[in-house]
Amino acid sequence: MKPVMQVKKAISALDDARVERLLDGHDAGGAGRGAARALMLEAERIARERGRSLLTLDTGTDDGAGPLYEKLGFVRAGVIPDYALKPHGSLQGTIIYWKRIGAAPESTQR
């Protein structure tokens, strides 16, 4: 399976970006080869290049990539229970993560 990555500008702030999808071929025998780590480092590089200073993402509680994100410096913000569908139709929670990748912008409020 070819690695897939989407980095989108979030609508909540001017300086953040959201990693929407990261598929590294885990189910096709791609686990342990560093593809997910390399994709995340590239997502950070792209986000910085585009002037973003905060990344957000989420992953499943049952079979997600939480340990990888934590190794890469993401902070666990919380869990939403019964939020995401598994491939076979049952629900699992999702863990929300964030990571500061640049200086926070100065407040524009007056």
Protein backbone atom coordinates (compact mmCIF):
# COMPACT_ATOMS: atom_id res chain seq x y z
CA MET A 1 0.00 0.00 0.00
CA LYS A 2 1.32 3.44 -0.89
CA PRO A 3 1.58 5.86 2.08
CA VAL A 4 -1.13 8.52 2.14
CA MET A 5 -1.02 11.85 3.97
CA GLN A 6 -3.30 14.88 4.12
CA VAL A 7 -2.40 18.11 5.94
CA LYS A 8 -5.20 20.65 6.00
CA LYS A 9 -5.42 24.19 7.27
CA ALA A 10 -7.74 24.19 10.24
CA ILE A 11 -10.56 26.70 10.31
CA SER A 12 -10.26 27.27 14.05
CA ALA A 13 -7.13 29.42 13.94
CA LEU A 14 -4.77 31.11 11.53
CA ASP A 15 -1.69 29.24 12.67
CA ASP A 16 -2.72 25.63 12.99
CA ALA A 17 -2.93 22.65 10.68
CA ARG A 18 -4.71 19.33 11.12
CA VAL A 19 -3.31 15.99 10.03
CA GLU A 20 -6.44 14.35 8.62
CA ARG A 21 -5.25 10.98 7.35
CA LEU A 22 -2.12 8.95 7.80
CA LEU A 23 -2.18 5.49 6.29
CA ASP A 24 1.13 3.67 6.25
CA GLY A 25 0.20 0.22 5.01
CA HIS A 26 0.10 -1.26 8.51
CA ASP A 27 -2.59 -3.74 7.50
CA ALA A 28 -0.61 -4.69 4.39
CA GLY A 29 2.54 -5.64 6.27
CA GLY A 30 4.04 -2.14 6.42
CA ALA A 31 4.33 -1.98 10.20
CA GLY A 32 7.74 -1.38 11.74
CA ARG A 33 9.40 0.08 8.66
CA GLY A 34 9.25 3.72 9.73
CA ALA A 35 6.83 4.93 7.07
CA ALA A 36 4.38 6.50 9.54
CA ARG A 37 7.19 8.31 11.39
CA ALA A 38 8.63 9.60 8.11
CA LEU A 39 5.19 10.81 6.99
CA MET A 40 4.62 12.64 10.27
CA LEU A 41 8.01 14.35 10.07
CA GLU A 42 7.18 15.43 6.52
CA ALA A 43 3.77 16.72 7.66
CA GLU A 44 5.53 18.85 10.29
CA ARG A 45 7.99 20.17 7.70
CA ILE A 46 5.17 21.10 5.31
CA ALA A 47 3.16 22.75 8.07
CA ARG A 48 6.17 24.85 9.18
CA GLU A 49 6.88 25.76 5.56
CA ARG A 50 3.29 27.04 5.31
CA GLY A 51 3.64 29.15 8.44
CA ARG A 52 1.75 26.90 10.82
CA SER A 53 2.80 26.58 14.44
CA LEU A 54 0.35 23.98 15.80
CA LEU A 55 -0.60 20.51 14.58
CA THR A 56 -3.68 18.61 15.73
CA LEU A 57 -4.77 15.06 15.00
CA ASP A 58 -6.73 12.16 16.42
CA THR A 59 -6.41 8.39 16.43
CA GLY A 60 -8.48 5.43 17.58
CA THR A 61 -8.24 4.20 21.15
CA ASP A 62 -8.25 0.51 20.22
CA ASP A 63 -5.81 0.26 17.35
CA GLY A 64 -4.52 3.76 16.75
CA ALA A 65 -1.04 5.23 16.54
CA GLY A 66 -1.06 6.97 19.94
CA PRO A 67 2.33 5.59 21.04
CA LEU A 68 3.94 6.83 17.81
CA TYR A 69 2.46 10.33 18.18
CA GLU A 70 3.58 10.53 21.80
CA LYS A 71 7.14 9.51 20.80
CA LEU A 72 7.05 12.36 18.26
CA GLY A 73 6.18 14.88 20.98
CA PHE A 74 2.40 15.15 20.57
CA VAL A 75 0.44 15.90 23.75
CA ARG A 76 -2.66 13.88 24.55
CA ALA A 77 -5.52 16.35 25.05
CA GLY A 78 -8.31 13.89 25.81
CA VAL A 79 -10.53 11.06 24.64
CA ILE A 80 -13.96 11.14 23.00
CA PRO A 81 -15.69 7.82 23.75
CA ASP A 82 -17.58 5.86 21.08
CA TYR A 83 -16.66 8.37 18.38
CA ALA A 84 -15.19 6.41 15.47
CA LEU A 85 -16.44 3.38 13.58
CA LYS A 86 -14.20 0.35 13.25
CA PRO A 87 -14.10 -1.43 9.87
CA HIS A 88 -16.61 -4.02 11.12
CA GLY A 89 -19.11 -1.46 12.43
CA SER A 90 -18.49 -1.29 16.18
CA LEU A 91 -17.52 1.96 17.88
CA GLN A 92 -14.25 2.96 19.49
CA GLY A 93 -13.08 6.13 21.19
CA THR A 94 -10.75 8.64 19.59
CA ILE A 95 -7.76 10.30 21.26
CA ILE A 96 -7.13 13.98 20.45
CA TYR A 97 -3.49 15.11 20.19
CA TRP A 98 -1.72 18.44 19.60
CA LYS A 99 1.87 19.56 19.05
CA ARG A 100 3.43 23.04 18.97
CA ILE A 101 5.84 23.13 16.00
CA GLY A 102 6.67 26.82 15.99
CA ALA A 103 6.28 30.01 17.99
CA ALA A 104 2.71 30.84 18.93
CA PRO A 105 1.42 33.89 17.06
CA GLU A 106 0.82 37.07 19.01
CA SER A 107 -2.80 37.63 19.93
CA THR A 108 -4.72 39.80 17.49
CA GLN A 109 -7.41 40.69 20.04
CA ARG A 110 -7.59 44.28 21.19
